[in-house]
Amino acid sequence: MPVPHCQSHCIQVQVQRCIWYLQPSDSIVSIATRFKTNWLQIWSLNPHVRDPSAIQQVGENGISRTANVGHLYRPQWQETLYGIASAFKIPADRILDMNSDLNFTLTARLGYFEMTEPLPPMDICILPDSCNL
């Protein structure tokens, strides 16, 4: 019996940070649930949406295909994930959830996760908990 031939390929995909590409079944509540926040925060990030029950509403340029789900933030020199999480009063793992390409080794310390090295100078997506600031 012949041995099957396999090949492996890597594909690099670039996506915009803090942007959610809307699915037909999405609502402002389902998006908020996915990003562990409330619908008011998602609505406030999308000022073009006049009616929160219709996030996929038709605008001047057609149907909106995206929704903002956070703010871009560029870490300062020597800033760590733990430092950013503390400053914005959000769990570090929430930042990692929104920035899945941040592949760093984390160490558990007193119930918090702390970066073992400073973050690189690149934009990351954060969604502060506006109720706790």
N, C-alpha and C. Protein backbone atom coordinates (compact mmCIF):
# COMPACT_ATOMS: atom_id res chain seq x y z
N MET A 1 0.85 -1.18 0.00
CA MET A 1 0.00 0.00 0.00
C MET A 1 0.89 1.24 0.00
N PRO A 2 0.66 2.20 -0.89
CA PRO A 2 1.49 3.40 -0.95
C PRO A 2 1.27 4.30 0.28
N VAL A 3 2.34 4.96 0.67
CA VAL A 3 2.28 5.89 1.79
C VAL A 3 1.76 7.23 1.28
N PRO A 4 0.73 7.80 1.93
CA PRO A 4 0.22 9.10 1.47
C PRO A 4 1.27 10.19 1.63
N HIS A 5 1.26 11.11 0.70
CA HIS A 5 2.21 12.23 0.73
C HIS A 5 1.53 13.44 1.37
N CYS A 6 2.15 14.00 2.37
CA CYS A 6 1.59 15.16 3.07
C CYS A 6 2.54 16.34 2.94
N GLN A 7 1.96 17.51 2.86
CA GLN A 7 2.73 18.74 2.88
C GLN A 7 2.15 19.65 3.94
N SER A 8 3.01 20.44 4.49
CA SER A 8 2.59 21.40 5.50
C SER A 8 2.91 22.80 5.00
N HIS A 9 1.96 23.69 5.14
CA HIS A 9 2.14 25.07 4.71
C HIS A 9 1.70 26.00 5.83
N CYS A 10 2.38 27.10 5.96
CA CYS A 10 2.00 28.13 6.92
C CYS A 10 1.47 29.33 6.16
N ILE A 11 0.41 29.88 6.66
CA ILE A 11 -0.17 31.07 6.06
C ILE A 11 -0.25 32.13 7.13
N GLN A 12 0.26 33.29 6.83
CA GLN A 12 0.19 34.40 7.78
C GLN A 12 -0.98 35.29 7.39
N VAL A 13 -1.84 35.55 8.36
CA VAL A 13 -3.02 36.36 8.13
C VAL A 13 -2.94 37.60 9.01
N GLN A 14 -3.18 38.74 8.42
CA GLN A 14 -3.21 39.97 9.21
C GLN A 14 -4.65 40.42 9.37
N VAL A 15 -5.01 40.70 10.61
CA VAL A 15 -6.36 41.20 10.89
C VAL A 15 -6.23 42.51 11.65
N GLN A 16 -7.24 43.34 11.51
CA GLN A 16 -7.24 44.61 12.24
C GLN A 16 -7.54 44.36 13.70
N ARG A 17 -6.80 45.02 14.56
CA ARG A 17 -7.06 44.90 15.99
C ARG A 17 -8.30 45.72 16.36
N CYS A 18 -9.00 45.22 17.35
CA CYS A 18 -10.17 45.90 17.93
C CYS A 18 -11.36 45.97 16.97
N ILE A 19 -11.35 45.17 15.92
CA ILE A 19 -12.44 45.15 14.96
C ILE A 19 -13.04 43.74 14.93
N TRP A 20 -14.36 43.66 15.05
CA TRP A 20 -15.06 42.39 14.93
C TRP A 20 -15.80 42.39 13.60
N TYR A 21 -15.59 41.36 12.81
CA TYR A 21 -16.30 41.23 11.54
C TYR A 21 -17.64 40.56 11.82
N LEU A 22 -18.69 41.30 11.54
CA LEU A 22 -20.04 40.87 11.91
C LEU A 22 -20.49 39.63 11.16
N GLN A 23 -21.14 38.74 11.90
CA GLN A 23 -21.76 37.55 11.35
C GLN A 23 -23.27 37.83 11.27
N PRO A 24 -23.99 37.15 10.39
CA PRO A 24 -25.43 37.43 10.25
C PRO A 24 -26.22 37.34 11.55
N SER A 25 -25.81 36.47 12.46
CA SER A 25 -26.57 36.28 13.70
C SER A 25 -26.12 37.21 14.83
N ASP A 26 -25.12 38.05 14.60
CA ASP A 26 -24.59 38.91 15.66
C ASP A 26 -25.58 39.98 16.09
N SER A 27 -25.58 40.24 17.38
CA SER A 27 -26.31 41.36 17.96
C SER A 27 -25.33 42.08 18.88
N ILE A 28 -25.70 43.25 19.33
CA ILE A 28 -24.81 44.00 20.22
C ILE A 28 -24.60 43.23 21.53
N VAL A 29 -25.61 42.49 21.97
CA VAL A 29 -25.50 41.69 23.19
C VAL A 29 -24.59 40.48 22.97
N SER A 30 -24.71 39.81 21.84
CA SER A 30 -23.86 38.64 21.59
C SER A 30 -22.39 39.04 21.44
N ILE A 31 -22.15 40.19 20.83
CA ILE A 31 -20.76 40.68 20.71
C ILE A 31 -20.22 41.03 22.09
N ALA A 32 -21.02 41.72 22.90
CA ALA A 32 -20.59 42.07 24.25
C ALA A 32 -20.28 40.83 25.07
N THR A 33 -21.11 39.81 24.97
CA THR A 33 -20.87 38.56 25.69
C THR A 33 -19.57 37.92 25.25
N ARG A 34 -19.32 37.89 23.97
CA ARG A 34 -18.09 37.30 23.43
C ARG A 34 -16.85 37.99 24.01
N PHE A 35 -16.91 39.31 24.18
CA PHE A 35 -15.76 40.07 24.66
C PHE A 35 -15.84 40.39 26.16
N LYS A 36 -16.71 39.69 26.86
CA LYS A 36 -16.81 39.77 28.33
C LYS A 36 -17.04 41.21 28.81
N THR A 37 -18.00 41.85 28.20
CA THR A 37 -18.34 43.21 28.59
C THR A 37 -19.86 43.35 28.50
N ASN A 38 -20.35 44.57 28.55
CA ASN A 38 -21.79 44.78 28.43
C ASN A 38 -22.10 45.51 27.12
N TRP A 39 -23.36 45.47 26.74
CA TRP A 39 -23.74 46.04 25.45
C TRP A 39 -23.51 47.55 25.38
N LEU A 40 -23.57 48.24 26.52
CA LEU A 40 -23.35 49.69 26.51
C LEU A 40 -21.92 50.04 26.08
N GLN A 41 -20.94 49.24 26.51
CA GLN A 41 -19.57 49.51 26.09
C GLN A 41 -19.40 49.30 24.59
N ILE A 42 -19.98 48.23 24.06
CA ILE A 42 -19.88 48.00 22.62
C ILE A 42 -20.59 49.11 21.85
N TRP A 43 -21.74 49.52 22.34
CA TRP A 43 -22.48 50.59 21.67
C TRP A 43 -21.67 51.89 21.69
N SER A 44 -21.03 52.21 22.82
CA SER A 44 -20.26 53.45 22.91
C SER A 44 -19.04 53.44 22.00
N LEU A 45 -18.53 52.25 21.66
CA LEU A 45 -17.39 52.14 20.75
C LEU A 45 -17.81 52.26 19.29
N ASN A 46 -19.10 52.29 19.03
CA ASN A 46 -19.63 52.33 17.67
C ASN A 46 -20.63 53.47 17.52
N PRO A 47 -20.13 54.73 17.49
CA PRO A 47 -21.04 55.88 17.46
C PRO A 47 -21.91 55.95 16.20
N HIS A 48 -21.53 55.24 15.15
CA HIS A 48 -22.34 55.22 13.92
C HIS A 48 -23.62 54.40 14.09
N VAL A 49 -23.69 53.60 15.15
CA VAL A 49 -24.88 52.78 15.40
C VAL A 49 -25.85 53.60 16.24
N ARG A 50 -26.93 54.03 15.62
CA ARG A 50 -27.89 54.86 16.34
C ARG A 50 -28.85 54.03 17.19
N ASP A 51 -29.16 52.83 16.73
CA ASP A 51 -30.09 51.95 17.43
C ASP A 51 -29.33 50.69 17.85
N PRO A 52 -29.11 50.50 19.17
CA PRO A 52 -28.31 49.35 19.61
C PRO A 52 -28.94 47.99 19.27
N SER A 53 -30.22 47.97 18.96
CA SER A 53 -30.85 46.70 18.59
C SER A 53 -30.60 46.36 17.12
N ALA A 54 -29.93 47.27 16.40
CA ALA A 54 -29.68 47.05 14.97
C ALA A 54 -28.23 47.38 14.64
N ILE A 55 -27.29 46.62 15.21
CA ILE A 55 -25.87 46.91 14.97
C ILE A 55 -25.50 46.70 13.51
N GLN A 56 -26.26 45.87 12.80
CA GLN A 56 -25.98 45.63 11.39
C GLN A 56 -26.86 46.50 10.49
N GLN A 57 -27.18 47.68 10.99
CA GLN A 57 -28.07 48.55 10.25
C GLN A 57 -27.44 49.05 8.96
N VAL A 58 -28.29 49.47 8.05
CA VAL A 58 -27.83 50.01 6.78
C VAL A 58 -27.46 51.47 6.99
N GLY A 59 -26.26 51.82 6.56
CA GLY A 59 -25.80 53.20 6.64
C GLY A 59 -25.70 53.81 5.26
N GLU A 60 -25.05 54.96 5.18
CA GLU A 60 -24.91 55.65 3.89
C GLU A 60 -24.14 54.80 2.88
N ASN A 61 -23.18 54.03 3.35
CA ASN A 61 -22.36 53.22 2.46
C ASN A 61 -22.78 51.75 2.44
N GLY A 62 -24.00 51.47 2.80
CA GLY A 62 -24.46 50.08 2.82
C GLY A 62 -24.46 49.53 4.23
N ILE A 63 -24.51 48.21 4.33
CA ILE A 63 -24.58 47.55 5.62
C ILE A 63 -23.21 47.56 6.29
N SER A 64 -23.20 47.91 7.56
CA SER A 64 -21.95 47.89 8.32
C SER A 64 -21.49 46.44 8.49
N ARG A 65 -20.26 46.17 8.15
CA ARG A 65 -19.72 44.80 8.22
C ARG A 65 -18.83 44.59 9.44
N THR A 66 -18.51 45.67 10.15
CA THR A 66 -17.60 45.56 11.28
C THR A 66 -18.15 46.32 12.48
N ALA A 67 -17.63 45.96 13.65
CA ALA A 67 -17.94 46.66 14.89
C ALA A 67 -16.64 46.85 15.66
N ASN A 68 -16.48 48.01 16.26
CA ASN A 68 -15.33 48.25 17.12
C ASN A 68 -15.57 47.53 18.45
N VAL A 69 -14.52 46.86 18.95
CA VAL A 69 -14.67 46.11 20.20
C VAL A 69 -13.61 46.48 21.24
N GLY A 70 -12.88 47.55 21.01
CA GLY A 70 -11.86 47.97 21.97
C GLY A 70 -11.13 49.21 21.49
N HIS A 71 -10.10 49.57 22.24
CA HIS A 71 -9.26 50.72 21.92
C HIS A 71 -7.85 50.24 21.63
N LEU A 72 -7.20 50.86 20.65
CA LEU A 72 -5.80 50.55 20.40
C LEU A 72 -4.93 51.25 21.44
N TYR A 73 -3.95 50.53 21.94
CA TYR A 73 -3.03 51.07 22.93
C TYR A 73 -1.63 50.59 22.58
N ARG A 74 -0.67 51.51 22.59
CA ARG A 74 0.73 51.15 22.33
C ARG A 74 1.48 51.18 23.66
N PRO A 75 1.98 50.01 24.11
CA PRO A 75 2.72 49.97 25.38
C PRO A 75 3.93 50.90 25.37
N GLN A 76 4.16 51.53 26.50
CA GLN A 76 5.32 52.39 26.68
C GLN A 76 6.55 51.53 26.94
N TRP A 77 7.70 52.12 26.88
CA TRP A 77 8.97 51.42 27.08
C TRP A 77 8.96 50.67 28.41
N GLN A 78 9.31 49.41 28.39
CA GLN A 78 9.40 48.52 29.56
C GLN A 78 8.05 48.24 30.23
N GLU A 79 6.95 48.55 29.58
CA GLU A 79 5.63 48.29 30.16
C GLU A 79 5.28 46.81 30.01
N THR A 80 4.72 46.24 31.06
CA THR A 80 4.38 44.82 31.06
C THR A 80 2.87 44.63 30.94
N LEU A 81 2.48 43.42 30.63
CA LEU A 81 1.06 43.09 30.56
C LEU A 81 0.39 43.35 31.90
N TYR A 82 1.05 42.95 32.97
CA TYR A 82 0.50 43.16 34.31
C TYR A 82 0.30 44.66 34.59
N GLY A 83 1.27 45.47 34.20
CA GLY A 83 1.16 46.91 34.41
C GLY A 83 -0.01 47.52 33.66
N ILE A 84 -0.19 47.10 32.41
CA ILE A 84 -1.31 47.61 31.62
C ILE A 84 -2.63 47.14 32.22
N ALA A 85 -2.70 45.87 32.59
CA ALA A 85 -3.92 45.33 33.19
C ALA A 85 -4.27 46.08 34.47
N SER A 86 -3.27 46.37 35.28
CA SER A 86 -3.50 47.12 36.53
C SER A 86 -3.97 48.53 36.24
N ALA A 87 -3.34 49.19 35.28
CA ALA A 87 -3.69 50.58 34.96
C ALA A 87 -5.13 50.70 34.45
N PHE A 88 -5.56 49.72 33.66
CA PHE A 88 -6.91 49.78 33.09
C PHE A 88 -7.92 48.95 33.87
N LYS A 89 -7.48 48.36 34.99
CA LYS A 89 -8.34 47.60 35.89
C LYS A 89 -9.08 46.46 35.16
N ILE A 90 -8.31 45.70 34.39
CA ILE A 90 -8.86 44.53 33.71
C ILE A 90 -7.92 43.35 33.92
N PRO A 91 -8.43 42.13 33.90
CA PRO A 91 -7.55 40.96 34.05
C PRO A 91 -6.58 40.84 32.87
N ALA A 92 -5.37 40.42 33.15
CA ALA A 92 -4.37 40.26 32.10
C ALA A 92 -4.82 39.25 31.05
N ASP A 93 -5.53 38.21 31.47
CA ASP A 93 -5.96 37.22 30.48
C ASP A 93 -6.99 37.78 29.51
N ARG A 94 -7.70 38.83 29.91
CA ARG A 94 -8.63 39.49 28.99
C ARG A 94 -7.87 40.20 27.88
N ILE A 95 -6.74 40.80 28.22
CA ILE A 95 -5.90 41.43 27.20
C ILE A 95 -5.38 40.36 26.24
N LEU A 96 -4.97 39.23 26.79
CA LEU A 96 -4.48 38.14 25.94
C LEU A 96 -5.59 37.59 25.05
N ASP A 97 -6.81 37.50 25.56
CA ASP A 97 -7.93 37.04 24.75
C ASP A 97 -8.14 37.93 23.53
N MET A 98 -7.95 39.23 23.72
CA MET A 98 -8.18 40.18 22.63
C MET A 98 -6.97 40.35 21.73
N ASN A 99 -5.85 39.77 22.12
CA ASN A 99 -4.61 39.89 21.35
C ASN A 99 -3.94 38.52 21.32
N SER A 100 -4.55 37.60 20.61
CA SER A 100 -4.10 36.21 20.66
C SER A 100 -2.71 36.00 20.10
N ASP A 101 -2.16 36.98 19.42
CA ASP A 101 -0.81 36.82 18.87
C ASP A 101 0.28 37.18 19.87
N LEU A 102 -0.10 37.63 21.04
CA LEU A 102 0.91 37.91 22.07
C LEU A 102 1.32 36.58 22.71
N ASN A 103 2.33 35.96 22.14
CA ASN A 103 2.76 34.64 22.62
C ASN A 103 3.93 34.79 23.58
N PHE A 104 3.62 35.08 24.80
CA PHE A 104 4.65 35.24 25.82
C PHE A 104 4.46 34.19 26.90
N THR A 105 5.52 33.91 27.61
CA THR A 105 5.43 33.01 28.75
C THR A 105 4.93 33.80 29.94
N LEU A 106 3.86 33.32 30.53
CA LEU A 106 3.28 33.99 31.70
C LEU A 106 3.61 33.18 32.95
N THR A 107 3.78 33.88 34.03
CA THR A 107 3.99 33.20 35.31
C THR A 107 2.88 33.61 36.27
N ALA A 108 2.36 32.63 36.98
CA ALA A 108 1.30 32.93 37.95
C ALA A 108 1.95 33.47 39.22
N ARG A 109 1.36 34.55 39.72
CA ARG A 109 1.90 35.17 40.92
C ARG A 109 0.76 35.81 41.70
N LEU A 110 0.48 35.28 42.85
CA LEU A 110 -0.57 35.81 43.72
C LEU A 110 -1.92 35.93 43.01
N GLY A 111 -2.21 34.97 42.14
CA GLY A 111 -3.48 34.99 41.43
C GLY A 111 -3.51 35.86 40.20
N TYR A 112 -2.43 36.57 39.93
CA TYR A 112 -2.34 37.40 38.73
C TYR A 112 -1.33 36.81 37.77
N PHE A 113 -1.49 37.13 36.51
CA PHE A 113 -0.49 36.73 35.52
C PHE A 113 0.40 37.92 35.24
N GLU A 114 1.69 37.68 35.19
CA GLU A 114 2.62 38.77 34.95
C GLU A 114 3.54 38.39 33.80
N MET A 115 3.78 39.31 32.92
CA MET A 115 4.69 39.06 31.80
C MET A 115 6.11 38.88 32.34
N THR A 116 6.86 38.00 31.72
CA THR A 116 8.25 37.80 32.13
C THR A 116 9.17 38.78 31.42
N GLU A 117 8.64 39.52 30.48
CA GLU A 117 9.43 40.52 29.78
C GLU A 117 8.51 41.65 29.32
N PRO A 118 9.06 42.82 29.04
CA PRO A 118 8.21 43.93 28.59
C PRO A 118 7.53 43.61 27.26
N LEU A 119 6.40 44.23 27.04
CA LEU A 119 5.69 44.06 25.77
C LEU A 119 6.45 44.77 24.66
N PRO A 120 6.35 44.26 23.44
CA PRO A 120 7.00 44.94 22.32
C PRO A 120 6.23 46.22 21.98
N PRO A 121 6.88 47.16 21.30
CA PRO A 121 6.21 48.41 20.93
C PRO A 121 5.28 48.21 19.74
N MET A 122 4.15 47.59 19.99
CA MET A 122 3.16 47.35 18.94
C MET A 122 1.78 47.63 19.51
N ASP A 123 0.87 48.05 18.66
CA ASP A 123 -0.48 48.32 19.13
C ASP A 123 -1.13 47.04 19.63
N ILE A 124 -1.83 47.16 20.75
CA ILE A 124 -2.63 46.05 21.26
C ILE A 124 -4.05 46.57 21.46
N CYS A 125 -4.99 45.65 21.53
CA CYS A 125 -6.38 46.02 21.74
C CYS A 125 -6.72 45.84 23.21
N ILE A 126 -7.28 46.87 23.81
CA ILE A 126 -7.73 46.76 25.19
C ILE A 126 -9.17 47.24 25.29
N LEU A 127 -9.89 46.68 26.22
CA LEU A 127 -11.26 47.09 26.49
C LEU A 127 -11.37 47.32 27.99
N PRO A 128 -11.08 48.56 28.43
CA PRO A 128 -11.14 48.85 29.87
C PRO A 128 -12.54 48.63 30.41
N ASP A 129 -12.61 48.27 31.67
CA ASP A 129 -13.90 48.14 32.35
C ASP A 129 -14.28 49.53 32.83
N SER A 130 -15.09 50.22 32.05
CA SER A 130 -15.41 51.61 32.35
C SER A 130 -16.14 51.78 33.67
N CYS A 131 -16.74 50.74 34.18
CA CYS A 131 -17.43 50.83 35.47
C CYS A 131 -16.46 50.83 36.64
N ASN A 132 -15.23 50.35 36.43
CA ASN A 132 -14.26 50.26 37.52
C ASN A 132 -13.12 51.26 37.42
N LEU A 133 -13.14 52.15 36.45
CA LEU A 133 -12.05 53.13 36.33
C LEU A 133 -12.22 54.27 37.28
